[in-house]
Amino acid sequence: MTTHAPPAGAVTPPEGCALPSRPADAPAPGTLLSSHFDACVGCGADHPTGLRMTVTAGEGLSVQGEFTVTADHQGAPGLAHGGLVALAMDEVLGGLGWLLHTPMVTGRLQTEYLRPVPVGTTLSLEAFVDGVAGRRIYCHAIARDAATGSTMARAYAVFVAVPMEHFRDHGDAAEVDRAMRRSRPASEWTVNP
């Protein structure tokens, strides 16, 4: 596990926050985690300009993600938009729900931008669970240039565990139901909505 020191004011786990054990039936390290929704801008294969990030289970309570910045992801000419980097962090952090068997949503995300990310860069991301307190899941992620290993960004987050009904109640219920019926085992939908 990578050590990290959150910046002042970061979303840090409270005193006494528990670090859960990896569930025995969590996906094995190296297992590709399926997209939760084909049209997701972060991981969906059907989104025309999305990240199409692939996420795999890591060791312990970690996941790894990877995607390549394209011209569709520009902010300044030739550089990734900062919001896109935050999206990538949010997506890989959300993948931790697969390991915890917990549908969850982003409560707070703090991103530190350390270096500009040029178009054509493949980012390798790694996310870790730092602790769980009630419905709050504290976690952090690191984004590195896959070619050089340089750290490009870091993020600290609090996710909130929610029931699956959250997505029907606040989103497009018919689309949620269609997504759940697509060729995925029902057990997958109890993990990462």
N, C-alpha and C. Protein backbone atom coordinates (compact mmCIF):
# COMPACT_ATOMS: atom_id res chain seq x y z
N MET A 1 0.84 -1.17 0.00
CA MET A 1 0.00 0.00 0.00
C MET A 1 0.89 1.24 0.00
N THR A 2 0.52 2.22 -0.80
CA THR A 2 1.26 3.46 -0.88
C THR A 2 0.97 4.32 0.34
N THR A 3 1.99 4.85 0.97
CA THR A 3 1.76 5.76 2.08
C THR A 3 1.42 7.12 1.52
N HIS A 4 0.62 7.86 2.26
CA HIS A 4 0.22 9.18 1.81
C HIS A 4 0.00 10.07 3.02
N ALA A 5 0.17 11.34 2.83
CA ALA A 5 -0.10 12.32 3.87
C ALA A 5 -1.09 13.33 3.29
N PRO A 6 -2.37 13.21 3.66
CA PRO A 6 -3.37 14.13 3.11
C PRO A 6 -3.02 15.57 3.45
N PRO A 7 -3.31 16.49 2.55
CA PRO A 7 -3.05 17.90 2.83
C PRO A 7 -3.99 18.42 3.92
N ALA A 8 -3.63 19.56 4.51
CA ALA A 8 -4.48 20.17 5.52
C ALA A 8 -5.87 20.37 4.94
N GLY A 9 -6.90 20.03 5.72
CA GLY A 9 -8.27 20.19 5.28
C GLY A 9 -8.78 19.06 4.42
N ALA A 10 -7.97 18.03 4.19
CA ALA A 10 -8.39 16.90 3.35
C ALA A 10 -9.46 16.08 4.06
N VAL A 11 -10.08 15.21 3.32
CA VAL A 11 -11.09 14.32 3.87
C VAL A 11 -10.38 13.12 4.50
N THR A 12 -10.03 13.26 5.75
CA THR A 12 -9.30 12.21 6.45
C THR A 12 -10.24 11.42 7.34
N PRO A 13 -9.95 10.15 7.52
CA PRO A 13 -10.80 9.33 8.39
C PRO A 13 -10.79 9.87 9.83
N PRO A 14 -11.93 9.81 10.51
CA PRO A 14 -11.97 10.27 11.89
C PRO A 14 -11.20 9.34 12.82
N GLU A 15 -10.84 9.83 13.98
CA GLU A 15 -10.17 9.03 15.00
C GLU A 15 -10.98 7.77 15.25
N GLY A 16 -10.33 6.62 15.27
CA GLY A 16 -11.00 5.35 15.54
C GLY A 16 -11.73 4.74 14.37
N CYS A 17 -11.57 5.31 13.19
CA CYS A 17 -12.22 4.79 11.99
C CYS A 17 -11.65 3.40 11.68
N ALA A 18 -12.51 2.44 11.38
CA ALA A 18 -12.08 1.05 11.16
C ALA A 18 -11.66 0.82 9.71
N LEU A 19 -10.60 0.06 9.54
CA LEU A 19 -10.21 -0.40 8.22
C LEU A 19 -10.75 -1.82 8.09
N PRO A 20 -11.75 -2.00 7.21
CA PRO A 20 -12.35 -3.33 7.11
C PRO A 20 -11.40 -4.34 6.48
N SER A 21 -11.69 -5.61 6.69
CA SER A 21 -10.97 -6.68 6.01
C SER A 21 -11.51 -6.81 4.60
N ARG A 22 -10.67 -7.30 3.71
CA ARG A 22 -11.14 -7.59 2.35
C ARG A 22 -12.10 -8.76 2.42
N PRO A 23 -13.32 -8.61 1.89
CA PRO A 23 -14.26 -9.74 1.92
C PRO A 23 -13.68 -10.97 1.21
N ALA A 24 -13.95 -12.13 1.75
CA ALA A 24 -13.42 -13.38 1.19
C ALA A 24 -13.86 -13.59 -0.25
N ASP A 25 -15.06 -13.11 -0.60
CA ASP A 25 -15.57 -13.31 -1.96
C ASP A 25 -15.36 -12.09 -2.87
N ALA A 26 -14.48 -11.17 -2.46
CA ALA A 26 -14.15 -10.03 -3.32
C ALA A 26 -13.43 -10.54 -4.57
N PRO A 27 -13.53 -9.81 -5.68
CA PRO A 27 -12.81 -10.24 -6.89
C PRO A 27 -11.32 -10.39 -6.60
N ALA A 28 -10.72 -11.42 -7.16
CA ALA A 28 -9.30 -11.70 -6.94
C ALA A 28 -8.44 -10.59 -7.55
N PRO A 29 -7.28 -10.31 -6.95
CA PRO A 29 -6.38 -9.31 -7.54
C PRO A 29 -6.12 -9.63 -9.02
N GLY A 30 -6.18 -8.59 -9.84
CA GLY A 30 -5.99 -8.74 -11.28
C GLY A 30 -7.28 -8.95 -12.05
N THR A 31 -8.40 -9.18 -11.36
CA THR A 31 -9.68 -9.39 -12.02
C THR A 31 -10.21 -8.08 -12.58
N LEU A 32 -10.58 -8.09 -13.86
CA LEU A 32 -11.18 -6.93 -14.49
C LEU A 32 -12.59 -6.75 -13.93
N LEU A 33 -12.90 -5.56 -13.44
CA LEU A 33 -14.22 -5.26 -12.90
C LEU A 33 -15.08 -4.71 -14.02
N SER A 34 -16.29 -5.23 -14.15
CA SER A 34 -17.13 -4.80 -15.26
C SER A 34 -17.69 -3.41 -15.01
N SER A 35 -18.02 -2.73 -16.10
CA SER A 35 -18.63 -1.41 -16.03
C SER A 35 -20.01 -1.56 -15.39
N HIS A 36 -20.39 -0.61 -14.55
CA HIS A 36 -21.70 -0.66 -13.92
C HIS A 36 -22.80 -0.16 -14.83
N PHE A 37 -22.43 0.60 -15.89
CA PHE A 37 -23.41 1.18 -16.81
C PHE A 37 -22.69 1.49 -18.11
N ASP A 38 -23.14 0.89 -19.21
CA ASP A 38 -22.44 1.02 -20.49
C ASP A 38 -22.31 2.46 -20.99
N ALA A 39 -23.20 3.35 -20.57
CA ALA A 39 -23.14 4.74 -21.01
C ALA A 39 -22.44 5.65 -19.99
N CYS A 40 -21.83 5.08 -18.95
CA CYS A 40 -21.12 5.88 -17.95
C CYS A 40 -19.97 6.64 -18.61
N VAL A 41 -19.84 7.92 -18.31
CA VAL A 41 -18.78 8.74 -18.89
C VAL A 41 -17.40 8.29 -18.40
N GLY A 42 -17.34 7.64 -17.25
CA GLY A 42 -16.06 7.18 -16.72
C GLY A 42 -15.63 5.82 -17.23
N CYS A 43 -16.53 4.82 -17.17
CA CYS A 43 -16.13 3.45 -17.50
C CYS A 43 -16.95 2.81 -18.61
N GLY A 44 -17.96 3.50 -19.12
CA GLY A 44 -18.84 2.89 -20.10
C GLY A 44 -18.24 2.78 -21.49
N ALA A 45 -18.34 1.60 -22.08
CA ALA A 45 -17.81 1.36 -23.42
C ALA A 45 -18.64 2.05 -24.49
N ASP A 46 -19.92 2.37 -24.18
CA ASP A 46 -20.80 2.97 -25.18
C ASP A 46 -20.80 4.50 -25.16
N HIS A 47 -20.08 5.11 -24.22
CA HIS A 47 -20.04 6.58 -24.19
C HIS A 47 -19.05 7.05 -25.26
N PRO A 48 -19.50 7.87 -26.23
CA PRO A 48 -18.64 8.20 -27.37
C PRO A 48 -17.37 8.99 -27.03
N THR A 49 -17.39 9.79 -25.97
CA THR A 49 -16.20 10.60 -25.65
C THR A 49 -15.74 10.37 -24.21
N GLY A 50 -16.25 9.33 -23.56
CA GLY A 50 -15.90 9.07 -22.17
C GLY A 50 -14.48 8.55 -22.00
N LEU A 51 -14.12 8.31 -20.75
CA LEU A 51 -12.78 7.81 -20.45
C LEU A 51 -12.60 6.35 -20.86
N ARG A 52 -13.68 5.57 -20.78
CA ARG A 52 -13.61 4.13 -21.05
C ARG A 52 -12.54 3.47 -20.18
N MET A 53 -12.47 3.92 -18.93
CA MET A 53 -11.47 3.41 -17.99
C MET A 53 -11.72 1.94 -17.69
N THR A 54 -10.65 1.19 -17.67
CA THR A 54 -10.72 -0.18 -17.20
C THR A 54 -10.22 -0.18 -15.76
N VAL A 55 -10.89 -0.96 -14.92
CA VAL A 55 -10.54 -1.05 -13.50
C VAL A 55 -10.37 -2.51 -13.14
N THR A 56 -9.30 -2.81 -12.41
CA THR A 56 -9.05 -4.18 -11.95
C THR A 56 -8.90 -4.18 -10.44
N ALA A 57 -9.24 -5.31 -9.84
CA ALA A 57 -9.07 -5.48 -8.41
C ALA A 57 -7.58 -5.54 -8.09
N GLY A 58 -7.20 -4.91 -6.98
CA GLY A 58 -5.81 -4.93 -6.54
C GLY A 58 -5.65 -5.77 -5.29
N GLU A 59 -4.51 -5.65 -4.67
CA GLU A 59 -4.24 -6.34 -3.41
C GLU A 59 -4.96 -5.61 -2.28
N GLY A 60 -5.30 -6.33 -1.23
CA GLY A 60 -5.94 -5.70 -0.07
C GLY A 60 -7.20 -4.98 -0.48
N LEU A 61 -7.37 -3.77 0.00
CA LEU A 61 -8.53 -2.95 -0.35
C LEU A 61 -8.12 -1.88 -1.35
N SER A 62 -7.71 -2.34 -2.53
CA SER A 62 -7.28 -1.41 -3.57
C SER A 62 -7.77 -1.87 -4.94
N VAL A 63 -7.84 -0.91 -5.85
CA VAL A 63 -8.15 -1.18 -7.26
C VAL A 63 -7.20 -0.34 -8.11
N GLN A 64 -7.00 -0.76 -9.35
CA GLN A 64 -6.19 -0.01 -10.31
C GLN A 64 -7.06 0.31 -11.53
N GLY A 65 -6.83 1.48 -12.10
CA GLY A 65 -7.54 1.89 -13.30
C GLY A 65 -6.57 2.43 -14.32
N GLU A 66 -6.99 2.46 -15.57
CA GLU A 66 -6.14 3.00 -16.61
C GLU A 66 -7.00 3.54 -17.74
N PHE A 67 -6.57 4.66 -18.31
CA PHE A 67 -7.20 5.22 -19.51
C PHE A 67 -6.20 6.15 -20.18
N THR A 68 -6.45 6.44 -21.44
CA THR A 68 -5.60 7.34 -22.20
C THR A 68 -6.35 8.62 -22.50
N VAL A 69 -5.71 9.74 -22.23
CA VAL A 69 -6.29 11.06 -22.48
C VAL A 69 -6.33 11.30 -24.00
N THR A 70 -7.51 11.63 -24.51
CA THR A 70 -7.66 11.89 -25.95
C THR A 70 -7.95 13.37 -26.20
N ALA A 71 -8.01 13.75 -27.46
CA ALA A 71 -8.33 15.14 -27.83
C ALA A 71 -9.72 15.53 -27.32
N ASP A 72 -10.61 14.57 -27.13
CA ASP A 72 -11.95 14.86 -26.59
C ASP A 72 -11.90 15.29 -25.13
N HIS A 73 -10.78 15.08 -24.47
CA HIS A 73 -10.64 15.34 -23.04
C HIS A 73 -9.88 16.64 -22.74
N GLN A 74 -9.63 17.46 -23.76
CA GLN A 74 -8.82 18.67 -23.59
C GLN A 74 -9.56 19.76 -22.82
N GLY A 75 -8.77 20.52 -22.06
CA GLY A 75 -9.21 21.78 -21.48
C GLY A 75 -8.46 22.85 -22.24
N ALA A 76 -7.20 23.08 -21.87
CA ALA A 76 -6.31 23.92 -22.67
C ALA A 76 -5.83 23.09 -23.87
N PRO A 77 -5.44 23.73 -24.96
CA PRO A 77 -4.99 22.96 -26.12
C PRO A 77 -3.87 21.99 -25.75
N GLY A 78 -4.11 20.71 -26.05
CA GLY A 78 -3.10 19.69 -25.82
C GLY A 78 -3.00 19.16 -24.41
N LEU A 79 -3.85 19.65 -23.50
CA LEU A 79 -3.79 19.21 -22.10
C LEU A 79 -5.15 18.75 -21.61
N ALA A 80 -5.14 17.74 -20.74
CA ALA A 80 -6.38 17.24 -20.16
C ALA A 80 -7.04 18.34 -19.33
N HIS A 81 -8.34 18.40 -19.37
CA HIS A 81 -9.12 19.31 -18.53
C HIS A 81 -9.01 18.83 -17.08
N GLY A 82 -8.85 19.76 -16.14
CA GLY A 82 -8.75 19.38 -14.74
C GLY A 82 -9.96 18.62 -14.24
N GLY A 83 -11.14 18.98 -14.73
CA GLY A 83 -12.35 18.26 -14.34
C GLY A 83 -12.33 16.81 -14.80
N LEU A 84 -11.68 16.57 -15.93
CA LEU A 84 -11.54 15.21 -16.43
C LEU A 84 -10.65 14.38 -15.52
N VAL A 85 -9.58 14.99 -15.01
CA VAL A 85 -8.70 14.28 -14.07
C VAL A 85 -9.48 13.96 -12.80
N ALA A 86 -10.29 14.89 -12.32
CA ALA A 86 -11.13 14.64 -11.14
C ALA A 86 -12.13 13.51 -11.44
N LEU A 87 -12.69 13.50 -12.64
CA LEU A 87 -13.60 12.42 -13.05
C LEU A 87 -12.88 11.08 -12.98
N ALA A 88 -11.66 11.03 -13.48
CA ALA A 88 -10.90 9.78 -13.46
C ALA A 88 -10.67 9.31 -12.03
N MET A 89 -10.33 10.25 -11.14
CA MET A 89 -10.14 9.90 -9.73
C MET A 89 -11.44 9.36 -9.13
N ASP A 90 -12.54 10.05 -9.42
CA ASP A 90 -13.85 9.62 -8.91
C ASP A 90 -14.19 8.22 -9.40
N GLU A 91 -13.90 7.95 -10.66
CA GLU A 91 -14.22 6.64 -11.24
C GLU A 91 -13.42 5.52 -10.59
N VAL A 92 -12.11 5.70 -10.43
CA VAL A 92 -11.31 4.64 -9.83
C VAL A 92 -11.65 4.47 -8.35
N LEU A 93 -11.91 5.56 -7.65
CA LEU A 93 -12.32 5.46 -6.25
C LEU A 93 -13.65 4.73 -6.12
N GLY A 94 -14.57 5.00 -7.03
CA GLY A 94 -15.86 4.31 -7.02
C GLY A 94 -15.73 2.81 -7.22
N GLY A 95 -14.65 2.39 -7.90
CA GLY A 95 -14.40 0.96 -8.09
C GLY A 95 -14.16 0.21 -6.79
N LEU A 96 -13.84 0.94 -5.73
CA LEU A 96 -13.64 0.29 -4.43
C LEU A 96 -14.92 -0.36 -3.92
N GLY A 97 -16.07 0.13 -4.40
CA GLY A 97 -17.35 -0.48 -4.01
C GLY A 97 -17.43 -1.95 -4.37
N TRP A 98 -16.76 -2.35 -5.47
CA TRP A 98 -16.75 -3.76 -5.85
C TRP A 98 -16.10 -4.61 -4.76
N LEU A 99 -15.05 -4.08 -4.15
CA LEU A 99 -14.34 -4.85 -3.12
C LEU A 99 -15.12 -4.89 -1.81
N LEU A 100 -15.82 -3.81 -1.51
CA LEU A 100 -16.56 -3.73 -0.25
C LEU A 100 -17.97 -4.29 -0.35
N HIS A 101 -18.39 -4.66 -1.57
CA HIS A 101 -19.77 -5.11 -1.81
C HIS A 101 -20.77 -4.07 -1.32
N THR A 102 -20.50 -2.81 -1.69
CA THR A 102 -21.31 -1.70 -1.20
C THR A 102 -21.63 -0.72 -2.32
N PRO A 103 -22.92 -0.55 -2.67
CA PRO A 103 -23.26 0.54 -3.58
C PRO A 103 -22.93 1.85 -2.86
N MET A 104 -22.26 2.76 -3.55
CA MET A 104 -21.86 4.00 -2.90
C MET A 104 -21.80 5.15 -3.89
N VAL A 105 -21.92 6.36 -3.36
CA VAL A 105 -21.86 7.57 -4.18
C VAL A 105 -20.82 8.51 -3.57
N THR A 106 -20.33 9.41 -4.38
CA THR A 106 -19.33 10.37 -3.93
C THR A 106 -19.98 11.40 -3.01
N GLY A 107 -19.41 11.55 -1.81
CA GLY A 107 -19.87 12.58 -0.89
C GLY A 107 -18.98 13.82 -0.98
N ARG A 108 -17.68 13.59 -1.08
CA ARG A 108 -16.72 14.69 -1.20
C ARG A 108 -15.49 14.16 -1.92
N LEU A 109 -14.94 14.99 -2.80
CA LEU A 109 -13.75 14.62 -3.55
C LEU A 109 -12.82 15.83 -3.59
N GLN A 110 -11.63 15.64 -3.09
CA GLN A 110 -10.62 16.71 -3.10
C GLN A 110 -9.47 16.23 -3.97
N THR A 111 -9.15 16.98 -5.02
CA THR A 111 -8.12 16.58 -5.97
C THR A 111 -6.97 17.58 -5.95
N GLU A 112 -5.76 17.06 -5.90
CA GLU A 112 -4.55 17.87 -6.00
C GLU A 112 -3.94 17.63 -7.37
N TYR A 113 -3.74 18.69 -8.13
CA TYR A 113 -3.15 18.60 -9.46
C TYR A 113 -1.67 18.91 -9.33
N LEU A 114 -0.81 17.95 -9.64
CA LEU A 114 0.62 18.12 -9.44
C LEU A 114 1.38 18.45 -10.71
N ARG A 115 0.91 17.94 -11.86
CA ARG A 115 1.57 18.18 -13.14
C ARG A 115 0.50 18.25 -14.23
N PRO A 116 0.74 19.02 -15.30
CA PRO A 116 -0.19 18.99 -16.42
C PRO A 116 -0.18 17.61 -17.08
N VAL A 117 -1.33 17.21 -17.62
CA VAL A 117 -1.46 15.89 -18.25
C VAL A 117 -1.71 16.10 -19.75
N PRO A 118 -0.68 15.88 -20.59
CA PRO A 118 -0.85 16.09 -22.04
C PRO A 118 -1.77 15.05 -22.69
N VAL A 119 -2.43 15.48 -23.77
CA VAL A 119 -3.20 14.55 -24.60
C VAL A 119 -2.25 13.44 -25.05
N GLY A 120 -2.73 12.22 -25.05
CA GLY A 120 -1.91 11.06 -25.42
C GLY A 120 -1.32 10.34 -24.22
N THR A 121 -1.37 10.97 -23.05
CA THR A 121 -0.85 10.35 -21.84
C THR A 121 -1.78 9.23 -21.38
N THR A 122 -1.20 8.09 -21.05
CA THR A 122 -1.98 7.04 -20.39
C THR A 122 -1.77 7.21 -18.90
N LEU A 123 -2.87 7.38 -18.19
CA LEU A 123 -2.81 7.51 -16.74
C LEU A 123 -3.08 6.17 -16.09
N SER A 124 -2.24 5.83 -15.14
CA SER A 124 -2.41 4.63 -14.32
C SER A 124 -2.82 5.13 -12.95
N LEU A 125 -3.98 4.69 -12.49
CA LEU A 125 -4.54 5.16 -11.23
C LEU A 125 -4.63 4.01 -10.24
N GLU A 126 -4.45 4.32 -8.97
CA GLU A 126 -4.59 3.33 -7.92
C GLU A 126 -5.38 3.96 -6.79
N ALA A 127 -6.38 3.24 -6.28
CA ALA A 127 -7.24 3.73 -5.20
C ALA A 127 -7.20 2.77 -4.03
N PHE A 128 -7.30 3.33 -2.82
CA PHE A 128 -7.21 2.56 -1.58
C PHE A 128 -8.30 2.98 -0.61
N VAL A 129 -8.83 2.01 0.14
CA VAL A 129 -9.74 2.31 1.25
C VAL A 129 -8.87 2.65 2.45
N ASP A 130 -9.20 3.78 3.11
CA ASP A 130 -8.47 4.20 4.30
C ASP A 130 -9.24 3.91 5.59
N GLY A 131 -10.55 3.72 5.49
CA GLY A 131 -11.34 3.42 6.67
C GLY A 131 -12.82 3.56 6.38
N VAL A 132 -13.63 2.97 7.26
CA VAL A 132 -15.09 3.04 7.14
C VAL A 132 -15.64 3.43 8.50
N ALA A 133 -16.52 4.43 8.49
CA ALA A 133 -17.20 4.88 9.71
C ALA A 133 -18.68 5.02 9.40
N GLY A 134 -19.48 4.09 9.87
CA GLY A 134 -20.90 4.11 9.54
C GLY A 134 -21.08 3.92 8.04
N ARG A 135 -21.81 4.84 7.40
CA ARG A 135 -22.03 4.77 5.95
C ARG A 135 -20.92 5.45 5.16
N ARG A 136 -19.96 6.06 5.83
CA ARG A 136 -18.89 6.81 5.15
C ARG A 136 -17.68 5.92 4.88
N ILE A 137 -17.23 5.95 3.62
CA ILE A 137 -16.04 5.21 3.21
C ILE A 137 -14.97 6.25 2.85
N TYR A 138 -13.87 6.25 3.60
CA TYR A 138 -12.77 7.18 3.37
C TYR A 138 -11.74 6.50 2.49
N CYS A 139 -11.26 7.22 1.46
CA CYS A 139 -10.35 6.59 0.52
C CYS A 139 -9.47 7.65 -0.15
N HIS A 140 -8.43 7.17 -0.83
CA HIS A 140 -7.56 8.08 -1.59
C HIS A 140 -7.10 7.39 -2.87
N ALA A 141 -6.63 8.21 -3.81
CA ALA A 141 -6.16 7.68 -5.10
C ALA A 141 -4.96 8.48 -5.57
N ILE A 142 -4.16 7.82 -6.40
CA ILE A 142 -2.98 8.42 -7.00
C ILE A 142 -3.04 8.16 -8.50
N ALA A 143 -2.75 9.19 -9.30
CA ALA A 143 -2.69 9.05 -10.76
C ALA A 143 -1.25 9.27 -11.20
N ARG A 144 -0.73 8.31 -11.96
CA ARG A 144 0.65 8.41 -12.45
C ARG A 144 0.66 8.31 -13.97
N ASP A 145 1.65 8.94 -14.57
CA ASP A 145 1.90 8.77 -16.00
C ASP A 145 2.40 7.34 -16.16
N ALA A 146 1.67 6.53 -16.93
CA ALA A 146 2.03 5.12 -17.07
C ALA A 146 3.41 4.93 -17.70
N ALA A 147 3.84 5.87 -18.53
CA ALA A 147 5.13 5.73 -19.21
C ALA A 147 6.31 6.11 -18.32
N THR A 148 6.15 7.14 -17.49
CA THR A 148 7.28 7.64 -16.70
C THR A 148 7.19 7.32 -15.21
N GLY A 149 5.98 7.02 -14.74
CA GLY A 149 5.78 6.79 -13.31
C GLY A 149 5.62 8.06 -12.51
N SER A 150 5.69 9.21 -13.16
CA SER A 150 5.54 10.50 -12.45
C SER A 150 4.13 10.62 -11.87
N THR A 151 4.05 11.08 -10.63
CA THR A 151 2.74 11.31 -10.02
C THR A 151 2.16 12.60 -10.60
N MET A 152 0.97 12.49 -11.18
CA MET A 152 0.33 13.62 -11.84
C MET A 152 -0.74 14.28 -10.97
N ALA A 153 -1.41 13.46 -10.14
CA ALA A 153 -2.48 13.98 -9.29
C ALA A 153 -2.72 13.01 -8.14
N ARG A 154 -3.32 13.56 -7.07
CA ARG A 154 -3.77 12.75 -5.92
C ARG A 154 -5.17 13.20 -5.57
N ALA A 155 -5.94 12.29 -5.00
CA ALA A 155 -7.30 12.65 -4.57
C ALA A 155 -7.61 11.98 -3.24
N TYR A 156 -8.43 12.65 -2.46
CA TYR A 156 -8.91 12.16 -1.17
C TYR A 156 -10.42 12.29 -1.21
N ALA A 157 -11.12 11.26 -0.74
CA ALA A 157 -12.57 11.27 -0.90
C ALA A 157 -13.28 10.62 0.27
N VAL A 158 -14.56 11.00 0.38
CA VAL A 158 -15.50 10.31 1.26
C VAL A 158 -16.64 9.86 0.35
N PHE A 159 -16.89 8.57 0.32
CA PHE A 159 -18.04 8.03 -0.38
C PHE A 159 -19.09 7.66 0.67
N VAL A 160 -20.34 7.59 0.24
CA VAL A 160 -21.44 7.28 1.15
C VAL A 160 -22.15 6.04 0.64
N ALA A 161 -22.29 5.03 1.49
CA ALA A 161 -23.01 3.81 1.13
C ALA A 161 -24.50 4.15 0.99
N VAL A 162 -25.10 3.66 -0.09
CA VAL A 162 -26.53 3.91 -0.34
C VAL A 162 -27.19 2.61 -0.78
N PRO A 163 -28.51 2.50 -0.60
CA PRO A 163 -29.22 1.33 -1.14
C PRO A 163 -29.41 1.50 -2.65
N MET A 164 -29.63 0.43 -3.36
CA MET A 164 -29.83 0.50 -4.81
C MET A 164 -31.03 1.39 -5.16
N GLU A 165 -32.02 1.48 -4.29
CA GLU A 165 -33.19 2.32 -4.56
C GLU A 165 -32.80 3.79 -4.78
N HIS A 166 -31.68 4.19 -4.23
CA HIS A 166 -31.20 5.57 -4.41
C HIS A 166 -31.15 5.95 -5.89
N PHE A 167 -30.69 5.03 -6.72
CA PHE A 167 -30.50 5.31 -8.14
C PHE A 167 -31.83 5.36 -8.88
N ARG A 168 -32.79 4.53 -8.47
CA ARG A 168 -34.12 4.58 -9.07
C ARG A 168 -34.86 5.84 -8.62
N ASP A 169 -34.72 6.19 -7.34
CA ASP A 169 -35.43 7.33 -6.79
C ASP A 169 -34.93 8.67 -7.33
N HIS A 170 -33.65 8.78 -7.60
CA HIS A 170 -33.06 10.06 -7.99
C HIS A 170 -32.58 10.12 -9.44
N GLY A 171 -32.57 8.99 -10.12
CA GLY A 171 -32.12 8.96 -11.51
C GLY A 171 -33.24 8.53 -12.42
N ASP A 172 -32.88 7.95 -13.54
CA ASP A 172 -33.83 7.45 -14.53
C ASP A 172 -34.13 6.00 -14.17
N ALA A 173 -35.24 5.77 -13.47
CA ALA A 173 -35.58 4.43 -12.96
C ALA A 173 -35.65 3.40 -14.07
N ALA A 174 -36.23 3.76 -15.21
CA ALA A 174 -36.36 2.80 -16.31
C ALA A 174 -34.97 2.42 -16.84
N GLU A 175 -34.06 3.39 -16.95
CA GLU A 175 -32.71 3.10 -17.44
C GLU A 175 -31.93 2.27 -16.41
N VAL A 176 -32.13 2.56 -15.13
CA VAL A 176 -31.48 1.76 -14.09
C VAL A 176 -31.94 0.31 -14.21
N ASP A 177 -33.23 0.10 -14.36
CA ASP A 177 -33.75 -1.26 -14.50
C ASP A 177 -33.23 -1.94 -15.76
N ARG A 178 -33.16 -1.20 -16.88
CA ARG A 178 -32.61 -1.78 -18.12
C ARG A 178 -31.14 -2.17 -17.92
N ALA A 179 -30.38 -1.31 -17.29
CA ALA A 179 -28.96 -1.60 -17.06
C ALA A 179 -28.80 -2.84 -16.19
N MET A 180 -29.65 -2.99 -15.22
CA MET A 180 -29.55 -4.13 -14.31
C MET A 180 -29.93 -5.44 -15.00
N ARG A 181 -30.78 -5.36 -16.03
CA ARG A 181 -31.19 -6.58 -16.75
C ARG A 181 -30.18 -7.01 -17.81
N ARG A 182 -29.31 -6.09 -18.23
CA ARG A 182 -28.32 -6.46 -19.25
C ARG A 182 -27.44 -7.57 -18.73
N SER A 183 -26.89 -8.33 -19.55
CA SER A 183 -26.16 -9.57 -19.31
C SER A 183 -25.17 -9.60 -18.14
N ARG A 184 -25.58 -9.17 -16.97
CA ARG A 184 -24.72 -9.24 -15.79
C ARG A 184 -25.44 -10.05 -14.72
N PRO A 185 -24.69 -10.82 -13.97
CA PRO A 185 -25.31 -11.55 -12.87
C PRO A 185 -25.91 -10.57 -11.87
N ALA A 186 -27.05 -10.92 -11.29
CA ALA A 186 -27.71 -10.05 -10.32
C ALA A 186 -26.79 -9.69 -9.16
N SER A 187 -25.88 -10.59 -8.79
CA SER A 187 -24.99 -10.31 -7.65
C SER A 187 -24.09 -9.12 -7.92
N GLU A 188 -23.73 -8.85 -9.18
CA GLU A 188 -22.89 -7.71 -9.49
C GLU A 188 -23.57 -6.39 -9.16
N TRP A 189 -24.90 -6.35 -9.28
CA TRP A 189 -25.61 -5.11 -9.07
C TRP A 189 -25.75 -4.75 -7.60
N THR A 190 -25.38 -5.63 -6.71
CA THR A 190 -25.42 -5.28 -5.30
C THR A 190 -24.08 -4.70 -4.87
N VAL A 191 -23.15 -4.57 -5.81
CA VAL A 191 -21.80 -4.15 -5.48
C VAL A 191 -21.53 -2.71 -5.89
N ASN A 192 -21.61 -2.39 -7.16
CA ASN A 192 -21.23 -1.07 -7.64
C ASN A 192 -22.29 -0.55 -8.59
N PRO A 193 -23.21 0.25 -8.08
CA PRO A 193 -24.35 0.69 -8.91
C PRO A 193 -23.94 1.56 -10.08
